[in-house]
Amino acid sequence: MGRVGKLPTKVARNHSFTMENGHTQHSHSYGDVKPKLISRLRKIEGQVRGIQSMLEDDRYCVDILIQLSAIKSAINKVGLSLLERHTRGCVTGAIKSGDGDHAIEELMDVINQFTK
């Protein structure tokens, strides 16, 4: 964990496998929840636009701060969901394939970055 802020580049960023036709396919540990994550991010985008409107309309500071807090919470939920999927999928796979040390180092670096 000596490289705070930098993610290692040695660990593969996704899982790859070769199909019968010879093409390489990539899968991410979040694939099964991807539509849900995209939907959440679109809602967050709408909330950000709402705050822009609130500022333009000179709304009360506390109301704006409450909305900012809601956005922060929503983004954290998306991040925690991805972090859990990465840990249960990518990191677990790397450990099983013998590349666990690198995957754990990367996981600890990203947790450190995420919790700043």
N, C-alpha and C. Protein backbone atom coordinates (compact mmCIF):
# COMPACT_ATOMS: atom_id res chain seq x y z
N MET A 1 0.81 -1.19 0.00
CA MET A 1 0.00 0.00 0.00
C MET A 1 0.85 1.25 0.00
N GLY A 2 2.07 1.15 -0.38
CA GLY A 2 2.94 2.29 -0.38
C GLY A 2 2.67 3.27 -1.50
N ARG A 3 1.84 2.91 -2.45
CA ARG A 3 1.58 3.77 -3.60
C ARG A 3 0.21 4.40 -3.50
N VAL A 4 -0.04 5.10 -2.45
CA VAL A 4 -1.35 5.72 -2.24
C VAL A 4 -1.66 6.66 -3.40
N GLY A 5 -2.86 6.52 -3.94
CA GLY A 5 -3.29 7.39 -5.03
C GLY A 5 -3.00 6.82 -6.41
N LYS A 6 -2.13 5.83 -6.50
CA LYS A 6 -1.81 5.22 -7.78
C LYS A 6 -2.30 3.78 -7.76
N LEU A 7 -3.03 3.40 -8.79
CA LEU A 7 -3.48 2.02 -8.89
C LEU A 7 -2.46 1.23 -9.69
N PRO A 8 -2.14 0.02 -9.26
CA PRO A 8 -1.18 -0.78 -10.00
C PRO A 8 -1.72 -1.13 -11.38
N THR A 9 -0.82 -1.29 -12.32
CA THR A 9 -1.24 -1.60 -13.68
C THR A 9 -1.03 -3.07 -14.02
N LYS A 10 -0.46 -3.85 -13.13
CA LYS A 10 -0.16 -5.25 -13.41
C LYS A 10 -1.39 -6.14 -13.41
N VAL A 11 -2.41 -5.78 -12.64
CA VAL A 11 -3.60 -6.62 -12.51
C VAL A 11 -4.53 -6.35 -13.68
N ALA A 12 -5.03 -7.41 -14.28
CA ALA A 12 -5.98 -7.25 -15.38
C ALA A 12 -7.21 -6.53 -14.88
N ARG A 13 -7.75 -5.65 -15.68
CA ARG A 13 -8.90 -4.85 -15.27
C ARG A 13 -10.21 -5.58 -15.50
N ASN A 14 -10.20 -6.70 -16.17
CA ASN A 14 -11.42 -7.47 -16.36
C ASN A 14 -11.05 -8.92 -16.60
N HIS A 15 -12.04 -9.75 -16.68
CA HIS A 15 -11.84 -11.16 -16.96
C HIS A 15 -12.00 -11.37 -18.45
N SER A 16 -11.11 -12.14 -19.05
CA SER A 16 -11.19 -12.40 -20.48
C SER A 16 -11.33 -13.89 -20.70
N PHE A 17 -12.04 -14.23 -21.75
CA PHE A 17 -12.13 -15.62 -22.17
C PHE A 17 -12.31 -15.66 -23.67
N THR A 18 -11.87 -16.76 -24.28
CA THR A 18 -11.93 -16.90 -25.72
C THR A 18 -13.12 -17.78 -26.08
N MET A 19 -13.93 -17.28 -27.01
CA MET A 19 -15.11 -18.02 -27.44
C MET A 19 -14.68 -19.04 -28.49
N GLU A 20 -15.60 -19.93 -28.85
CA GLU A 20 -15.31 -20.97 -29.83
C GLU A 20 -14.88 -20.40 -31.18
N ASN A 21 -15.39 -19.21 -31.54
CA ASN A 21 -15.03 -18.62 -32.83
C ASN A 21 -13.70 -17.88 -32.78
N GLY A 22 -13.01 -17.94 -31.63
CA GLY A 22 -11.70 -17.32 -31.51
C GLY A 22 -11.70 -15.88 -31.03
N HIS A 23 -12.87 -15.27 -30.92
CA HIS A 23 -12.95 -13.89 -30.44
C HIS A 23 -12.81 -13.86 -28.93
N THR A 24 -12.16 -12.82 -28.44
CA THR A 24 -12.00 -12.65 -27.00
C THR A 24 -13.16 -11.83 -26.46
N GLN A 25 -13.75 -12.32 -25.40
CA GLN A 25 -14.82 -11.61 -24.72
C GLN A 25 -14.31 -11.15 -23.37
N HIS A 26 -14.80 -10.02 -22.92
CA HIS A 26 -14.43 -9.49 -21.61
C HIS A 26 -15.69 -9.42 -20.76
N SER A 27 -15.55 -9.77 -19.52
CA SER A 27 -16.67 -9.62 -18.60
C SER A 27 -16.18 -8.87 -17.37
N HIS A 28 -17.04 -8.08 -16.82
CA HIS A 28 -16.74 -7.33 -15.61
C HIS A 28 -17.60 -7.89 -14.50
N SER A 29 -17.14 -7.76 -13.30
CA SER A 29 -17.87 -8.32 -12.17
C SER A 29 -19.19 -7.60 -11.92
N TYR A 30 -19.40 -6.44 -12.53
CA TYR A 30 -20.64 -5.69 -12.34
C TYR A 30 -21.64 -5.92 -13.47
N GLY A 31 -21.33 -6.80 -14.39
CA GLY A 31 -22.17 -6.99 -15.57
C GLY A 31 -23.63 -7.24 -15.29
N ASP A 32 -23.93 -8.00 -14.24
CA ASP A 32 -25.32 -8.33 -13.95
C ASP A 32 -26.11 -7.16 -13.36
N VAL A 33 -25.42 -6.13 -12.85
CA VAL A 33 -26.10 -4.96 -12.29
C VAL A 33 -25.83 -3.70 -13.09
N LYS A 34 -25.20 -3.84 -14.24
CA LYS A 34 -24.83 -2.68 -15.05
C LYS A 34 -26.03 -1.78 -15.36
N PRO A 35 -27.16 -2.32 -15.83
CA PRO A 35 -28.31 -1.44 -16.11
C PRO A 35 -28.79 -0.67 -14.87
N LYS A 36 -28.76 -1.33 -13.71
CA LYS A 36 -29.18 -0.69 -12.47
C LYS A 36 -28.21 0.44 -12.10
N LEU A 37 -26.91 0.20 -12.27
CA LEU A 37 -25.91 1.22 -11.96
C LEU A 37 -26.05 2.42 -12.90
N ILE A 38 -26.27 2.15 -14.17
CA ILE A 38 -26.44 3.24 -15.15
C ILE A 38 -27.68 4.05 -14.80
N SER A 39 -28.75 3.37 -14.41
CA SER A 39 -29.97 4.07 -14.02
C SER A 39 -29.72 4.96 -12.80
N ARG A 40 -29.00 4.44 -11.82
CA ARG A 40 -28.68 5.24 -10.63
C ARG A 40 -27.86 6.47 -11.01
N LEU A 41 -26.88 6.28 -11.89
CA LEU A 41 -26.04 7.41 -12.31
C LEU A 41 -26.85 8.46 -13.08
N ARG A 42 -27.81 8.01 -13.85
CA ARG A 42 -28.67 8.98 -14.56
C ARG A 42 -29.52 9.78 -13.57
N LYS A 43 -29.99 9.11 -12.52
CA LYS A 43 -30.75 9.83 -11.49
C LYS A 43 -29.86 10.85 -10.79
N ILE A 44 -28.63 10.46 -10.51
CA ILE A 44 -27.69 11.38 -9.88
C ILE A 44 -27.42 12.57 -10.80
N GLU A 45 -27.29 12.30 -12.08
CA GLU A 45 -27.09 13.38 -13.05
C GLU A 45 -28.27 14.36 -13.00
N GLY A 46 -29.47 13.83 -12.89
CA GLY A 46 -30.65 14.68 -12.77
C GLY A 46 -30.64 15.50 -11.49
N GLN A 47 -30.16 14.89 -10.41
CA GLN A 47 -30.07 15.63 -9.15
C GLN A 47 -29.07 16.78 -9.26
N VAL A 48 -27.95 16.53 -9.95
CA VAL A 48 -26.94 17.58 -10.13
C VAL A 48 -27.53 18.74 -10.94
N ARG A 49 -28.27 18.41 -11.97
CA ARG A 49 -28.92 19.47 -12.77
C ARG A 49 -29.93 20.23 -11.93
N GLY A 50 -30.61 19.51 -11.03
CA GLY A 50 -31.56 20.16 -10.14
C GLY A 50 -30.87 21.16 -9.23
N ILE A 51 -29.70 20.80 -8.75
CA ILE A 51 -28.95 21.72 -7.89
C ILE A 51 -28.49 22.94 -8.69
N GLN A 52 -28.10 22.73 -9.93
CA GLN A 52 -27.74 23.87 -10.77
C GLN A 52 -28.92 24.83 -10.88
N SER A 53 -30.11 24.28 -11.08
CA SER A 53 -31.31 25.12 -11.17
C SER A 53 -31.59 25.82 -9.84
N MET A 54 -31.38 25.11 -8.76
CA MET A 54 -31.59 25.71 -7.44
C MET A 54 -30.67 26.92 -7.25
N LEU A 55 -29.42 26.78 -7.67
CA LEU A 55 -28.48 27.90 -7.56
C LEU A 55 -28.90 29.06 -8.46
N GLU A 56 -29.30 28.72 -9.68
CA GLU A 56 -29.74 29.77 -10.61
C GLU A 56 -30.97 30.51 -10.08
N ASP A 57 -31.83 29.78 -9.35
CA ASP A 57 -33.06 30.36 -8.79
C ASP A 57 -32.85 30.98 -7.41
N ASP A 58 -31.59 31.04 -6.97
CA ASP A 58 -31.25 31.62 -5.66
C ASP A 58 -32.00 30.96 -4.51
N ARG A 59 -32.05 29.63 -4.53
CA ARG A 59 -32.74 28.89 -3.47
C ARG A 59 -31.95 28.95 -2.17
N TYR A 60 -32.61 28.62 -1.11
CA TYR A 60 -32.06 28.65 0.24
C TYR A 60 -30.86 27.70 0.35
N CYS A 61 -29.78 28.18 0.97
CA CYS A 61 -28.53 27.42 1.07
C CYS A 61 -28.73 26.02 1.68
N VAL A 62 -29.51 25.95 2.74
CA VAL A 62 -29.71 24.67 3.43
C VAL A 62 -30.37 23.65 2.50
N ASP A 63 -31.33 24.10 1.70
CA ASP A 63 -31.97 23.19 0.74
C ASP A 63 -30.96 22.64 -0.26
N ILE A 64 -30.07 23.50 -0.72
CA ILE A 64 -29.04 23.07 -1.66
C ILE A 64 -28.08 22.09 -1.00
N LEU A 65 -27.67 22.39 0.22
CA LEU A 65 -26.76 21.51 0.95
C LEU A 65 -27.37 20.14 1.19
N ILE A 66 -28.66 20.10 1.48
CA ILE A 66 -29.35 18.82 1.67
C ILE A 66 -29.32 18.00 0.38
N GLN A 67 -29.54 18.66 -0.75
CA GLN A 67 -29.49 17.96 -2.04
C GLN A 67 -28.08 17.47 -2.36
N LEU A 68 -27.07 18.27 -2.02
CA LEU A 68 -25.68 17.85 -2.21
C LEU A 68 -25.37 16.61 -1.38
N SER A 69 -25.89 16.59 -0.17
CA SER A 69 -25.69 15.44 0.70
C SER A 69 -26.34 14.19 0.11
N ALA A 70 -27.51 14.35 -0.48
CA ALA A 70 -28.21 13.22 -1.10
C ALA A 70 -27.41 12.68 -2.29
N ILE A 71 -26.80 13.58 -3.06
CA ILE A 71 -25.98 13.16 -4.20
C ILE A 71 -24.75 12.41 -3.71
N LYS A 72 -24.12 12.93 -2.69
CA LYS A 72 -22.94 12.27 -2.13
C LYS A 72 -23.29 10.86 -1.67
N SER A 73 -24.40 10.71 -1.00
CA SER A 73 -24.85 9.41 -0.53
C SER A 73 -25.13 8.46 -1.70
N ALA A 74 -25.78 8.97 -2.74
CA ALA A 74 -26.11 8.14 -3.90
C ALA A 74 -24.84 7.68 -4.62
N ILE A 75 -23.87 8.56 -4.76
CA ILE A 75 -22.61 8.19 -5.42
C ILE A 75 -21.87 7.15 -4.58
N ASN A 76 -21.88 7.33 -3.26
CA ASN A 76 -21.24 6.33 -2.40
C ASN A 76 -21.88 4.96 -2.54
N LYS A 77 -23.21 4.92 -2.69
CA LYS A 77 -23.89 3.64 -2.87
C LYS A 77 -23.47 2.96 -4.18
N VAL A 78 -23.34 3.74 -5.24
CA VAL A 78 -22.87 3.18 -6.52
C VAL A 78 -21.45 2.65 -6.34
N GLY A 79 -20.60 3.44 -5.70
CA GLY A 79 -19.22 3.03 -5.49
C GLY A 79 -19.11 1.78 -4.64
N LEU A 80 -19.88 1.71 -3.57
CA LEU A 80 -19.84 0.53 -2.71
C LEU A 80 -20.35 -0.71 -3.44
N SER A 81 -21.35 -0.53 -4.28
CA SER A 81 -21.85 -1.65 -5.07
C SER A 81 -20.76 -2.18 -6.00
N LEU A 82 -20.07 -1.26 -6.68
CA LEU A 82 -18.97 -1.67 -7.56
C LEU A 82 -17.83 -2.30 -6.77
N LEU A 83 -17.53 -1.74 -5.63
CA LEU A 83 -16.46 -2.28 -4.79
C LEU A 83 -16.77 -3.70 -4.34
N GLU A 84 -18.01 -3.93 -3.95
CA GLU A 84 -18.40 -5.27 -3.54
C GLU A 84 -18.32 -6.25 -4.71
N ARG A 85 -18.83 -5.83 -5.87
CA ARG A 85 -18.78 -6.71 -7.05
C ARG A 85 -17.34 -7.02 -7.43
N HIS A 86 -16.48 -5.99 -7.37
CA HIS A 86 -15.07 -6.19 -7.71
C HIS A 86 -14.42 -7.17 -6.74
N THR A 87 -14.70 -7.02 -5.46
CA THR A 87 -14.10 -7.90 -4.46
C THR A 87 -14.58 -9.34 -4.63
N ARG A 88 -15.88 -9.51 -4.78
CA ARG A 88 -16.44 -10.86 -4.89
C ARG A 88 -16.14 -11.51 -6.24
N GLY A 89 -15.93 -10.70 -7.27
CA GLY A 89 -15.68 -11.25 -8.60
C GLY A 89 -14.21 -11.23 -8.97
N CYS A 90 -13.70 -10.05 -9.27
CA CYS A 90 -12.34 -9.91 -9.79
C CYS A 90 -11.28 -10.35 -8.78
N VAL A 91 -11.40 -9.86 -7.55
CA VAL A 91 -10.37 -10.19 -6.55
C VAL A 91 -10.42 -11.68 -6.21
N THR A 92 -11.61 -12.20 -6.01
CA THR A 92 -11.74 -13.63 -5.72
C THR A 92 -11.16 -14.47 -6.85
N GLY A 93 -11.45 -14.08 -8.10
CA GLY A 93 -10.90 -14.80 -9.25
C GLY A 93 -9.39 -14.73 -9.30
N ALA A 94 -8.84 -13.57 -8.99
CA ALA A 94 -7.38 -13.42 -9.00
C ALA A 94 -6.73 -14.27 -7.91
N ILE A 95 -7.35 -14.33 -6.75
CA ILE A 95 -6.82 -15.16 -5.67
C ILE A 95 -6.82 -16.62 -6.08
N LYS A 96 -7.93 -17.06 -6.67
CA LYS A 96 -8.02 -18.46 -7.10
C LYS A 96 -7.02 -18.80 -8.19
N SER A 97 -6.67 -17.80 -9.03
CA SER A 97 -5.73 -18.06 -10.13
C SER A 97 -4.27 -17.81 -9.72
N GLY A 98 -4.05 -17.48 -8.45
CA GLY A 98 -2.68 -17.29 -7.98
C GLY A 98 -2.15 -15.87 -8.08
N ASP A 99 -2.98 -14.93 -8.47
CA ASP A 99 -2.54 -13.53 -8.59
C ASP A 99 -3.16 -12.69 -7.48
N GLY A 100 -3.38 -13.30 -6.34
CA GLY A 100 -4.07 -12.65 -5.24
C GLY A 100 -3.34 -11.47 -4.64
N ASP A 101 -2.01 -11.57 -4.53
CA ASP A 101 -1.26 -10.47 -3.92
C ASP A 101 -1.46 -9.17 -4.67
N HIS A 102 -1.37 -9.22 -5.98
CA HIS A 102 -1.56 -8.01 -6.79
C HIS A 102 -2.99 -7.49 -6.68
N ALA A 103 -3.94 -8.40 -6.72
CA ALA A 103 -5.35 -8.00 -6.65
C ALA A 103 -5.68 -7.38 -5.29
N ILE A 104 -5.14 -7.93 -4.24
CA ILE A 104 -5.39 -7.39 -2.91
C ILE A 104 -4.73 -6.02 -2.76
N GLU A 105 -3.53 -5.87 -3.29
CA GLU A 105 -2.86 -4.57 -3.26
C GLU A 105 -3.69 -3.52 -4.01
N GLU A 106 -4.18 -3.89 -5.17
CA GLU A 106 -5.02 -2.98 -5.94
C GLU A 106 -6.30 -2.65 -5.18
N LEU A 107 -6.91 -3.66 -4.56
CA LEU A 107 -8.14 -3.45 -3.79
C LEU A 107 -7.89 -2.49 -2.64
N MET A 108 -6.82 -2.67 -1.92
CA MET A 108 -6.52 -1.79 -0.80
C MET A 108 -6.26 -0.36 -1.28
N ASP A 109 -5.58 -0.21 -2.41
CA ASP A 109 -5.35 1.12 -2.96
C ASP A 109 -6.66 1.80 -3.35
N VAL A 110 -7.56 1.07 -3.97
CA VAL A 110 -8.82 1.66 -4.40
C VAL A 110 -9.72 1.96 -3.19
N ILE A 111 -9.67 1.12 -2.17
CA ILE A 111 -10.43 1.42 -0.94
C ILE A 111 -9.89 2.70 -0.31
N ASN A 112 -8.58 2.83 -0.26
CA ASN A 112 -7.98 4.05 0.28
C ASN A 112 -8.41 5.27 -0.52
N GLN A 113 -8.40 5.16 -1.83
CA GLN A 113 -8.82 6.28 -2.69
C GLN A 113 -10.31 6.58 -2.50
N PHE A 114 -11.12 5.54 -2.40
CA PHE A 114 -12.57 5.70 -2.29
C PHE A 114 -12.97 6.35 -0.97
N THR A 115 -12.22 6.10 0.08
CA THR A 115 -12.60 6.60 1.39
C THR A 115 -12.01 7.97 1.72
N LYS A 116 -11.32 8.58 0.79
CA LYS A 116 -10.76 9.92 1.04
C LYS A 116 -11.87 10.94 1.12
